[in-house]
Amino acid sequence: MLRNGLEPWHLLVVLAVVILLFGSKKLPEMARGLGKSMRILKAETKALREDDAQAAGTPAAPADGTAQSTATEQPRQAVEPTVITKAAEPNGQQNKA
């Protein structure tokens, strides 16, 4: 019954609904925000893994292949989300959305 649950036309319907709901102007902003959120999440999970490895007594291997001294590392600060604001138009008028 549900052998081919997700066919290509399903994706087209979902894409059309998303464009109708959010509009084509908002989609790039949403994609940028999602990308930044994913980068922050990746950095935080990497930091948690390194912290867990240090607590277990085994040094964590850095992802970039460089050796780091874990004895002199300072605790990491939490990453604050950034607020994105729109810049004014070049001629001094605000964008009317």
Foldseek 3Di string as FASTA:
>chain_A
DCPPVDDPVNVVVVVVVVCVVQNPVCVVVVVVVVVVVVVLVVVVVVLVVQVVCVVVPHGDQDPVRDDDDPVPDDDDDRDDDDDDDDDADPVRHRDDD
